[in-house]
Amino acid sequence: MIYSDIEALLEQTCQEGLIKERDKTYVRNQVIHLLGMDNYPMHKILTSEGSIPDLVDRIIDYAVNEEIIDNVLDEKEMLAASLMDCFMPRPSTVQTLFDHYYDESPEKATNYFYNLSKNSNYIQMNRIKKNISYKAQTKYGEMDITINLSKPEKDPEQIKRERMIKQDVSYPACVLCKENEGYAGRIGYPARSNHRLIELSLQDETWYLQYSPYVYYEEHSIVLSEEHRDMKINEEAFARLLEFVEQFPHYFIGSNADLPIVGGSILSHDHYQAGRYTFAMTNAEEKYTFSIHAHPEVKAAVLNWPLSVIRLQASDKEKLTAAAESIYSFWYNYDDSNAEILAYTDKTRHNTITPIARKRDDLYEIDLVLRNNRTSATHPLGIFHPHADVHHIKKENIGLIEVMGLAVLPPRLKEELETIYKFLAGEVEEVDPAQQDWAQELRDKHGFLHNLEYAEEVVRKELGEKFVRVLEDAGVFKDDETFQRFITKLNQKVVSN
């Protein structure tokens, strides 16, 4: 069976364009070596069935059963990545092909690189299929709900090995550094043998484009700085985002905020997230427009969105950058004690922005989501963070992806929600203690639902409403009066300057 799986993998990768017919003998020999095989049949072998990820999984199972590797997550991940690296072109070849396709169109270039990343099993399509994803209609549009089940759980042996290894290894400096390209991995650090990067120039700096191994939306990509440096939102960041959408007008790009609580999970490496997807926030309606007196060429509007968002549009990206910087500079030091907004406590900064850029026809567009990470005794995890009454659904940071309307919810919810379906259908009387109050609230509201399918439909709709509450908690301005007070003071400030 192993020979059939190897031959099938050679055939599949040939069909997908990873290798050519002429490469098969060479690649087969590389795989044979990786698996420690002393012999291989010379006669024609029938190929087995399955996709590239399925075949890789079966070959890894063979390696475990034959004791070529231990049945430990990181060892399996390293072998899988090294296996697919046998089928991958060198980084320079990938770059040359990407540039060739880019000369035809940016879309052809990203199509090539996205398909390469999927076919090489760098993007973990089999695992991504495990995620529970659906859309929930809300007053702000269709929110995307995802229960993240794609990342494999660590087994006890994996955890034991991680505890035993030295913790002072500093290469690569983090999981986003360019040095991850082709890195074999180690216990406690992901395998990246089949990882490839595309080099870009943004604001006369070298940056790189890659795809996320666990995509949350179509063509979910990461744009990372060549230099390992902290995340920073500033005028240069706005300019980079707008230059990126000029180079790739079919993609949006955004940045997590650069402070804890309201930022992303990796603040130690300057990076952005991009992709080819229309989020609910992309289509959010304008609540009202306003003028920025110092930037009359730029259209400004407040969006009808649960967070506090200013949308700027202009045909000139330099003028748009300047307007974004004016707003950010003012917000950076903005206080409104009536709204619990303080820019600083002592020397600790609290105000920042989550920016998102895109291009619509001939207009450049940037959304500025105002964020504040201050905490209080009442809200120790954050005043503008999901409050305690929604922690049963979402307790983690609200980063860029959630800001745009895609809920990334923890794996525990799969079983907890299934029990709530049964509770509403009268099949059980107890749910997880963390969900008991909500489950009872749903039963009081909807009564007994004597159909599990309908109960699931109801809970999914209600989960969408809970996610809206999560986002509303993260909004800094809770009403129009507070938002307009900010805009008035903004215009007074920029005019005086």
Protein backbone atom coordinates (compact mmCIF):
# COMPACT_ATOMS: atom_id res chain seq x y z
CA MET A 1 0.00 0.00 0.00
CA ILE A 2 2.81 2.47 0.83
CA TYR A 3 4.21 2.12 -2.71
CA SER A 4 0.77 2.81 -4.17
CA ASP A 5 0.42 5.88 -1.98
CA ILE A 6 3.85 7.21 -3.03
CA GLU A 7 3.07 6.64 -6.70
CA ALA A 8 -0.31 8.30 -6.29
CA LEU A 9 1.35 11.29 -4.65
CA LEU A 10 3.79 11.54 -7.55
CA GLU A 11 0.88 11.40 -9.98
CA GLN A 12 -1.26 13.93 -8.12
CA THR A 13 1.55 16.46 -7.71
CA CYS A 14 2.39 16.07 -11.38
CA GLN A 15 -1.23 16.78 -12.33
CA GLU A 16 -1.29 19.85 -10.09
CA GLY A 17 1.91 21.21 -11.63
CA LEU A 18 4.16 20.89 -8.57
CA ILE A 19 6.50 18.61 -10.49
CA LYS A 20 6.88 17.49 -14.10
CA GLU A 21 6.98 13.96 -15.51
CA ARG A 22 10.73 14.34 -15.91
CA ASP A 23 11.07 14.92 -12.11
CA LYS A 24 9.36 11.74 -10.95
CA THR A 25 12.41 9.48 -10.57
CA TYR A 26 14.35 12.15 -8.70
CA VAL A 27 11.46 12.98 -6.35
CA ARG A 28 10.66 9.30 -5.76
CA ASN A 29 14.24 8.75 -4.64
CA GLN A 30 14.04 11.71 -2.26
CA VAL A 31 10.88 10.24 -0.69
CA ILE A 32 12.45 6.77 -0.47
CA HIS A 33 15.37 8.29 1.43
CA LEU A 34 13.12 10.22 3.80
CA LEU A 35 11.23 7.03 4.67
CA GLY A 36 14.43 5.02 5.18
CA MET A 37 13.50 2.46 2.52
CA ASP A 38 16.21 0.03 1.35
CA ASN A 39 14.23 -1.28 -1.59
CA TYR A 40 11.47 -0.26 -3.99
CA PRO A 41 9.55 -2.33 -6.58
CA MET A 42 10.76 -1.89 -10.16
CA HIS A 43 7.51 -3.06 -11.74
CA LYS A 44 4.57 -0.77 -12.45
CA ILE A 45 2.58 -0.05 -9.30
CA LEU A 46 -1.13 0.75 -9.26
CA THR A 47 -1.79 4.11 -7.66
CA SER A 48 -4.17 4.42 -4.73
CA GLU A 49 -7.01 6.91 -4.37
CA GLY A 50 -7.05 10.14 -2.41
CA SER A 51 -6.20 13.82 -2.43
CA ILE A 52 -2.68 15.10 -1.75
CA PRO A 53 -3.46 15.72 1.97
CA ASP A 54 -5.04 12.24 2.26
CA LEU A 55 -1.99 10.60 0.72
CA VAL A 56 0.39 12.55 2.96
CA ASP A 57 -1.61 11.46 6.03
CA ARG A 58 -1.40 7.81 4.97
CA ILE A 59 2.35 8.00 4.36
CA ILE A 60 2.83 9.56 7.81
CA ASP A 61 0.74 6.75 9.34
CA TYR A 62 3.05 4.26 7.60
CA ALA A 63 6.10 6.02 9.06
CA VAL A 64 4.61 5.78 12.56
CA ASN A 65 3.60 2.12 12.16
CA GLU A 66 7.07 1.21 10.85
CA GLU A 67 8.65 3.15 13.75
CA ILE A 68 10.47 5.46 11.36
CA ILE A 69 9.20 8.27 13.58
CA ASP A 70 7.50 8.32 16.97
CA ASN A 71 3.77 8.92 17.19
CA VAL A 72 4.27 12.49 18.37
CA LEU A 73 2.64 15.53 16.77
CA ASP A 74 5.80 17.50 15.97
CA GLU A 75 7.63 14.50 14.52
CA LYS A 76 4.69 13.81 12.22
CA GLU A 77 4.47 17.49 11.26
CA MET A 78 8.19 17.65 10.45
CA LEU A 79 8.10 14.53 8.30
CA ALA A 80 4.97 15.71 6.45
CA ALA A 81 6.57 19.08 5.67
CA SER A 82 9.86 17.48 4.59
CA LEU A 83 7.95 14.99 2.44
CA MET A 84 6.15 17.75 0.54
CA ASP A 85 9.34 19.79 0.24
CA CYS A 86 10.56 17.04 -2.09
CA PHE A 87 7.87 18.18 -4.53
CA MET A 88 8.48 21.92 -4.11
CA PRO A 89 10.50 24.29 -6.30
CA ARG A 90 13.25 26.38 -4.73
CA PRO A 91 12.22 29.80 -3.38
CA SER A 92 13.95 31.61 -6.27
CA THR A 93 11.94 29.58 -8.79
CA VAL A 94 8.69 30.35 -6.96
CA GLN A 95 9.59 34.05 -6.98
CA THR A 96 10.44 33.98 -10.70
CA LEU A 97 7.15 32.30 -11.57
CA PHE A 98 5.17 34.68 -9.34
CA ASP A 99 6.81 37.70 -11.00
CA HIS A 100 6.13 36.21 -14.44
CA TYR A 101 2.44 35.77 -13.65
CA TYR A 102 2.32 39.23 -12.03
CA ASP A 103 3.42 40.75 -15.35
CA GLU A 104 0.23 39.26 -16.80
CA SER A 105 -1.92 40.30 -13.83
CA PRO A 106 -1.67 40.48 -10.01
CA GLU A 107 -4.59 38.06 -9.82
CA LYS A 108 -2.78 35.39 -11.86
CA ALA A 109 0.24 35.76 -9.58
CA THR A 110 -1.71 35.22 -6.36
CA ASN A 111 -3.74 32.40 -7.94
CA TYR A 112 -0.47 30.60 -8.72
CA PHE A 113 0.95 31.09 -5.24
CA TYR A 114 -2.28 30.21 -3.42
CA ASN A 115 -2.68 26.98 -5.40
CA LEU A 116 0.97 26.12 -4.77
CA SER A 117 0.49 26.66 -1.03
CA LYS A 118 -2.59 24.41 -0.99
CA ASN A 119 -1.21 21.67 -3.24
CA SER A 120 2.02 21.49 -1.24
CA ASN A 121 -0.05 20.84 1.90
CA TYR A 122 1.39 23.98 3.51
CA ILE A 123 -2.18 25.22 3.80
CA GLN A 124 -3.75 22.44 5.84
CA MET A 125 -6.94 21.93 3.82
CA ASN A 126 -7.94 18.63 5.47
CA ARG A 127 -7.76 20.21 8.91
CA ILE A 128 -9.51 23.39 7.81
CA LYS A 129 -12.46 21.27 6.67
CA LYS A 130 -13.01 20.33 10.31
CA ASN A 131 -13.94 23.91 11.22
CA ILE A 132 -17.62 24.67 11.73
CA SER A 133 -18.41 27.74 9.64
CA TYR A 134 -21.65 29.48 8.72
CA LYS A 135 -23.16 32.94 8.27
CA ALA A 136 -25.52 34.59 10.73
CA GLN A 137 -27.80 37.45 9.70
CA THR A 138 -27.64 40.42 12.08
CA LYS A 139 -28.63 44.09 12.06
CA TYR A 140 -25.12 44.84 10.78
CA GLY A 141 -25.23 42.32 7.93
CA GLU A 142 -24.15 38.70 7.59
CA MET A 143 -21.51 37.87 10.17
CA ASP A 144 -19.19 34.90 9.63
CA ILE A 145 -19.10 32.42 12.51
CA THR A 146 -16.25 29.90 12.75
CA ILE A 147 -15.59 27.38 15.51
CA ASN A 148 -11.90 26.71 15.07
CA LEU A 149 -11.22 22.96 15.08
CA SER A 150 -8.34 22.91 12.58
CA LYS A 151 -5.31 23.08 14.85
CA PRO A 152 -4.44 19.60 16.16
CA GLU A 153 -4.47 19.01 19.89
CA LYS A 154 -1.17 18.21 21.57
CA ASP A 155 -0.88 14.71 23.00
CA PRO A 156 0.71 14.05 26.42
CA GLU A 157 4.01 12.86 24.90
CA GLN A 158 4.24 16.06 22.83
CA ILE A 159 3.66 18.19 25.94
CA LYS A 160 6.24 16.17 27.89
CA ARG A 161 8.87 16.67 25.19
CA GLU A 162 8.21 20.40 25.01
CA ARG A 163 8.81 20.68 28.75
CA MET A 164 12.13 18.83 28.44
CA ILE A 165 13.68 20.90 25.66
CA LYS A 166 15.80 24.00 26.17
CA GLN A 167 13.78 27.17 25.96
CA ASP A 168 16.62 29.51 24.95
CA VAL A 169 16.66 28.66 21.21
CA SER A 170 16.24 31.92 19.30
CA TYR A 171 16.28 30.76 15.67
CA PRO A 172 14.01 31.65 14.01
CA ALA A 173 13.24 34.63 16.26
CA CYS A 174 9.48 34.03 15.83
CA VAL A 175 7.05 32.09 13.65
CA LEU A 176 6.67 35.04 11.24
CA CYS A 177 10.35 35.65 10.48
CA LYS A 178 11.62 35.09 6.94
CA GLU A 179 14.02 32.50 8.38
CA ASN A 180 11.07 30.10 8.66
CA GLU A 181 11.20 29.49 4.90
CA GLY A 182 12.37 25.88 4.58
CA TYR A 183 12.96 25.45 8.34
CA ALA A 184 12.59 21.78 9.28
CA GLY A 185 11.01 22.49 12.67
CA ARG A 186 11.73 21.11 16.11
CA ILE A 187 9.83 19.98 19.17
CA GLY A 188 7.66 22.90 20.20
CA TYR A 189 8.24 24.84 16.96
CA PRO A 190 6.34 24.34 13.68
CA ALA A 191 7.81 22.58 10.65
CA ARG A 192 8.15 24.84 7.60
CA SER A 193 10.16 22.78 5.10
CA ASN A 194 7.44 23.26 2.46
CA HIS A 195 7.00 26.97 3.28
CA ARG A 196 7.65 29.57 0.57
CA LEU A 197 7.64 33.38 0.61
CA ILE A 198 7.14 36.02 -2.06
CA GLU A 199 9.38 39.08 -1.77
CA LEU A 200 7.68 42.48 -2.10
CA SER A 201 8.74 46.10 -1.83
CA LEU A 202 6.58 48.38 0.33
CA GLN A 203 7.70 51.94 1.02
CA ASP A 204 11.24 51.05 -0.10
CA GLU A 205 11.46 48.22 2.44
CA THR A 206 11.58 44.47 1.83
CA TRP A 207 8.44 42.66 2.92
CA TYR A 208 7.18 39.15 2.22
CA LEU A 209 3.84 37.62 1.28
CA GLN A 210 2.80 34.19 2.51
CA TYR A 211 -0.47 32.36 3.16
CA SER A 212 -1.68 31.29 6.56
CA PRO A 213 -1.40 27.51 7.14
CA TYR A 214 -4.88 27.62 8.71
CA VAL A 215 -6.84 29.98 6.47
CA TYR A 216 -9.93 31.53 8.07
CA TYR A 217 -11.16 33.05 4.80
CA GLU A 218 -10.39 32.89 1.09
CA GLU A 219 -6.71 33.54 0.31
CA HIS A 220 -5.97 34.44 3.93
CA SER A 221 -2.45 35.80 3.66
CA ILE A 222 0.19 37.39 5.86
CA VAL A 223 2.46 40.24 4.80
CA LEU A 224 5.52 40.40 7.04
CA SER A 225 8.48 42.70 7.52
CA GLU A 226 11.94 41.42 6.64
CA GLU A 227 13.12 42.91 9.93
CA HIS A 228 12.04 41.28 13.18
CA ARG A 229 10.60 44.34 14.94
CA ASP A 230 7.54 45.17 17.02
CA MET A 231 4.17 45.92 15.47
CA LYS A 232 3.64 49.64 15.05
CA ILE A 233 0.73 51.68 13.72
CA ASN A 234 1.91 54.97 12.20
CA GLU A 235 1.86 56.99 8.99
CA GLU A 236 4.32 54.58 7.34
CA ALA A 237 1.98 51.68 8.11
CA PHE A 238 -0.97 53.46 6.44
CA ALA A 239 1.21 54.18 3.40
CA ARG A 240 2.29 50.52 3.19
CA LEU A 241 -1.27 49.26 3.34
CA LEU A 242 -2.34 51.57 0.53
CA GLU A 243 0.71 50.70 -1.58
CA PHE A 244 -0.10 47.01 -1.14
CA VAL A 245 -3.66 47.41 -2.49
CA GLU A 246 -2.22 49.42 -5.36
CA GLN A 247 -0.03 46.42 -6.19
CA PHE A 248 -2.80 43.88 -5.46
CA PRO A 249 -6.13 45.66 -6.05
CA HIS A 250 -8.11 42.42 -5.73
CA TYR A 251 -6.97 42.01 -2.10
CA PHE A 252 -7.79 43.88 1.09
CA ILE A 253 -5.08 44.30 3.73
CA GLY A 254 -5.29 45.25 7.39
CA SER A 255 -3.24 45.39 10.54
CA ASN A 256 -3.96 44.27 14.05
CA ALA A 257 -3.65 47.03 16.61
CA ASP A 258 -0.22 47.38 18.18
CA LEU A 259 -1.19 47.08 21.85
CA PRO A 260 -2.04 44.09 24.07
CA ILE A 261 -5.72 43.19 24.65
CA VAL A 262 -6.89 44.96 21.47
CA GLY A 263 -4.06 43.63 19.29
CA GLY A 264 -3.33 40.28 17.69
CA SER A 265 -1.53 37.27 19.12
CA ILE A 266 1.89 38.24 17.71
CA LEU A 267 2.95 41.80 18.50
CA SER A 268 6.68 41.09 18.28
CA HIS A 269 6.87 41.03 14.48
CA ASP A 270 5.54 43.80 12.25
CA HIS A 271 3.00 42.19 9.92
CA TYR A 272 -0.38 42.58 8.25
CA GLN A 273 -3.14 40.22 7.13
CA ALA A 274 -4.60 40.31 3.65
CA GLY A 275 -6.82 38.24 1.41
CA ARG A 276 -9.55 38.01 -1.14
CA TYR A 277 -12.74 38.04 0.86
CA THR A 278 -15.69 40.33 1.40
CA PHE A 279 -16.42 40.68 5.11
CA ALA A 280 -19.62 42.14 6.53
CA MET A 281 -17.73 45.32 7.44
CA THR A 282 -16.65 45.76 3.83
CA ASN A 283 -20.30 46.30 2.90
CA ALA A 284 -21.26 48.24 6.04
CA GLU A 285 -23.44 51.25 5.32
CA GLU A 286 -22.40 54.80 6.09
CA LYS A 287 -24.20 56.11 9.16
CA TYR A 288 -23.29 59.68 8.27
CA THR A 289 -20.54 61.58 6.48
CA PHE A 290 -18.45 64.44 7.79
CA SER A 291 -15.69 66.75 6.58
CA ILE A 292 -12.12 66.82 7.75
CA HIS A 293 -11.39 70.51 7.29
CA ALA A 294 -7.66 70.04 6.76
CA HIS A 295 -8.25 67.32 4.14
CA PRO A 296 -11.14 68.46 1.88
CA GLU A 297 -10.20 66.00 -0.91
CA VAL A 298 -10.87 63.03 1.38
CA LYS A 299 -14.38 61.73 1.96
CA ALA A 300 -15.00 60.67 5.57
CA ALA A 301 -17.87 58.68 7.05
CA VAL A 302 -18.82 56.92 10.26
CA LEU A 303 -19.92 53.36 9.56
CA ASN A 304 -23.00 51.63 10.89
CA TRP A 305 -20.94 49.00 12.66
CA PRO A 306 -20.73 47.70 16.25
CA LEU A 307 -17.19 49.04 16.66
CA SER A 308 -16.25 52.70 16.16
CA VAL A 309 -15.10 52.97 12.55
CA ILE A 310 -14.21 55.92 10.33
CA ARG A 311 -14.03 55.17 6.60
CA LEU A 312 -11.86 57.42 4.42
CA GLN A 313 -11.86 57.46 0.62
CA ALA A 314 -9.80 59.35 -1.94
CA SER A 315 -8.36 58.91 -5.42
CA ASP A 316 -4.93 60.04 -4.18
CA LYS A 317 -3.32 57.58 -1.77
CA GLU A 318 -0.84 60.17 -0.40
CA LYS A 319 -3.68 62.50 0.58
CA LEU A 320 -5.55 59.56 2.09
CA THR A 321 -2.45 58.59 4.10
CA ALA A 322 -2.16 62.16 5.42
CA ALA A 323 -5.82 62.21 6.48
CA ALA A 324 -5.49 58.83 8.23
CA GLU A 325 -2.41 60.10 10.06
CA SER A 326 -4.27 63.26 11.18
CA ILE A 327 -7.03 61.17 12.73
CA TYR A 328 -4.61 58.72 14.31
CA SER A 329 -2.40 61.47 15.76
CA PHE A 330 -5.43 63.08 17.35
CA TRP A 331 -6.87 59.80 18.65
CA TYR A 332 -3.46 58.79 20.04
CA ASN A 333 -3.78 61.39 22.81
CA TYR A 334 -7.58 61.69 22.99
CA ASP A 335 -9.37 61.66 26.36
CA ASP A 336 -13.09 61.51 27.06
CA SER A 337 -13.62 60.60 30.69
CA ASN A 338 -17.41 60.53 30.23
CA ALA A 339 -16.90 57.67 27.77
CA GLU A 340 -14.21 56.03 29.98
CA ILE A 341 -11.57 56.82 27.33
CA LEU A 342 -8.15 57.78 28.64
CA ALA A 343 -5.16 57.92 26.31
CA TYR A 344 -2.72 57.23 29.14
CA THR A 345 -2.59 56.04 32.72
CA ASP A 346 0.76 57.15 34.05
CA LYS A 347 3.08 56.33 31.12
CA THR A 348 1.01 53.45 29.73
CA ARG A 349 -0.57 54.22 26.35
CA HIS A 350 -4.10 52.96 25.62
CA ASN A 351 -5.29 54.43 22.30
CA THR A 352 -4.49 52.81 18.97
CA ILE A 353 -6.15 51.88 15.68
CA THR A 354 -6.95 48.76 13.66
CA PRO A 355 -6.61 49.92 10.01
CA ILE A 356 -7.97 48.10 6.93
CA ALA A 357 -7.25 49.19 3.34
CA ARG A 358 -8.80 48.22 0.03
CA LYS A 359 -9.34 49.62 -3.44
CA ARG A 360 -12.80 50.18 -4.93
CA ASP A 361 -12.56 50.91 -8.63
CA ASP A 362 -10.47 54.11 -8.83
CA LEU A 363 -10.76 54.99 -5.13
CA TYR A 364 -8.44 54.06 -2.32
CA GLU A 365 -10.21 53.31 0.94
CA ILE A 366 -9.03 52.90 4.50
CA ASP A 367 -11.12 52.00 7.56
CA LEU A 368 -9.82 53.25 10.90
CA VAL A 369 -11.22 51.25 13.82
CA LEU A 370 -10.61 53.20 17.04
CA ARG A 371 -9.36 50.98 19.87
CA ASN A 372 -8.56 51.46 23.57
CA ASN A 373 -7.06 48.78 25.85
CA ARG A 374 -7.65 50.33 29.28
CA THR A 375 -8.80 48.03 32.10
CA SER A 376 -10.78 48.69 35.28
CA ALA A 377 -11.85 46.90 38.44
CA THR A 378 -15.22 46.22 36.81
CA HIS A 379 -13.64 45.01 33.57
CA PRO A 380 -10.19 43.64 34.45
CA LEU A 381 -9.70 42.14 30.98
CA GLY A 382 -10.54 45.40 29.24
CA ILE A 383 -13.19 48.12 29.31
CA PHE A 384 -13.48 47.86 25.51
CA HIS A 385 -13.09 44.10 25.39
CA PRO A 386 -15.76 41.37 25.55
CA HIS A 387 -17.40 41.76 28.94
CA ALA A 388 -17.81 38.94 31.45
CA ASP A 389 -21.40 38.13 30.41
CA VAL A 390 -20.24 37.06 26.92
CA HIS A 391 -17.07 35.22 27.98
CA HIS A 392 -18.95 31.94 27.68
CA ILE A 393 -18.79 32.61 23.93
CA LYS A 394 -15.67 34.71 23.40
CA LYS A 395 -13.06 35.76 25.94
CA GLU A 396 -10.03 36.16 23.68
CA ASN A 397 -8.73 39.34 22.02
CA ILE A 398 -10.81 41.00 19.33
CA GLY A 399 -8.27 41.28 16.53
CA LEU A 400 -8.41 42.30 12.90
CA ILE A 401 -10.43 39.31 11.70
CA GLU A 402 -13.15 39.69 14.33
CA VAL A 403 -13.22 43.47 13.81
CA MET A 404 -14.26 42.87 10.18
CA GLY A 405 -17.07 40.52 11.17
CA LEU A 406 -15.62 37.01 11.35
CA ALA A 407 -15.94 35.32 14.73
CA VAL A 408 -13.11 32.88 15.48
CA LEU A 409 -14.56 30.91 18.39
CA PRO A 410 -12.84 28.34 20.64
CA PRO A 411 -13.11 24.56 19.98
CA ARG A 412 -14.91 23.94 23.31
CA LEU A 413 -18.07 25.46 21.80
CA LYS A 414 -18.66 22.50 19.48
CA GLU A 415 -19.72 20.15 22.27
CA GLU A 416 -21.19 22.89 24.45
CA LEU A 417 -23.51 24.05 21.65
CA GLU A 418 -24.53 20.50 20.76
CA THR A 419 -25.67 20.05 24.36
CA ILE A 420 -27.65 23.31 24.17
CA TYR A 421 -29.46 21.98 21.07
CA LYS A 422 -30.50 18.93 23.10
CA PHE A 423 -31.45 21.12 26.07
CA LEU A 424 -33.78 23.21 23.91
CA ALA A 425 -35.24 20.03 22.42
CA GLY A 426 -35.92 18.62 25.89
CA GLU A 427 -33.47 15.74 25.53
CA VAL A 428 -31.21 16.81 28.41
CA GLU A 429 -31.70 19.02 31.47
CA GLU A 430 -28.11 20.07 32.08
CA VAL A 431 -25.52 21.81 29.93
CA ASP A 432 -21.97 22.96 30.60
CA PRO A 433 -22.09 25.22 33.68
CA ALA A 434 -20.59 28.10 31.64
CA GLN A 435 -23.56 27.87 29.23
CA GLN A 436 -26.35 27.18 31.73
CA ASP A 437 -27.60 30.76 32.07
CA TRP A 438 -27.61 31.33 28.31
CA ALA A 439 -29.29 27.99 27.63
CA GLN A 440 -32.05 28.80 30.13
CA GLU A 441 -32.43 32.26 28.60
CA LEU A 442 -32.88 30.66 25.17
CA ARG A 443 -35.45 28.19 26.52
CA ASP A 444 -37.38 31.01 28.20
CA LYS A 445 -37.33 32.96 24.94
CA HIS A 446 -38.10 30.17 22.46
CA GLY A 447 -39.73 27.47 24.58
CA PHE A 448 -39.13 23.79 23.92
CA LEU A 449 -38.01 23.10 20.35
CA HIS A 450 -38.93 19.51 19.60
CA ASN A 451 -36.60 19.27 16.65
CA LEU A 452 -32.81 19.19 16.99
CA GLU A 453 -32.33 20.65 13.52
CA TYR A 454 -34.52 23.65 14.33
CA ALA A 455 -32.84 24.03 17.73
CA GLU A 456 -29.47 24.25 15.97
CA GLU A 457 -30.85 26.88 13.60
CA VAL A 458 -32.11 28.96 16.54
CA VAL A 459 -28.84 28.69 18.49
CA ARG A 460 -26.77 29.62 15.44
CA LYS A 461 -28.86 32.75 14.97
CA GLU A 462 -28.54 33.62 18.66
CA LEU A 463 -24.80 32.98 18.53
CA GLY A 464 -24.55 35.59 15.78
CA GLU A 465 -26.31 38.07 18.07
CA LYS A 466 -23.89 37.23 20.88
CA PHE A 467 -20.99 37.95 18.55
CA VAL A 468 -22.50 41.34 17.77
CA ARG A 469 -22.56 41.98 21.54
CA VAL A 470 -18.90 41.00 21.71
CA LEU A 471 -18.08 43.57 19.02
CA GLU A 472 -20.26 46.26 20.61
CA ASP A 473 -18.33 45.80 23.86
CA ALA A 474 -15.14 46.55 21.90
CA GLY A 475 -16.54 49.79 20.45
CA VAL A 476 -15.12 52.91 22.14
CA PHE A 477 -18.01 55.26 21.28
CA LYS A 478 -21.32 53.85 22.47
CA ASP A 479 -23.53 56.55 20.89
CA ASP A 480 -23.51 59.14 18.09
CA GLU A 481 -23.18 62.07 20.48
CA THR A 482 -19.85 60.73 21.84
CA PHE A 483 -18.56 60.00 18.34
CA GLN A 484 -19.53 63.45 17.06
CA ARG A 485 -17.84 65.08 20.03
CA PHE A 486 -14.63 63.39 18.89
CA ILE A 487 -15.09 64.58 15.29
CA THR A 488 -15.75 68.18 16.41
CA LYS A 489 -12.60 68.24 18.53
CA LEU A 490 -10.66 66.56 15.72
CA ASN A 491 -11.54 69.35 13.31
CA GLN A 492 -10.73 72.03 15.87
CA LYS A 493 -7.33 70.41 16.38
CA VAL A 494 -6.34 69.92 12.74
CA VAL A 495 -7.45 73.44 11.80
CA SER A 496 -5.45 74.98 14.66
CA ASN A 497 -2.41 73.06 13.47
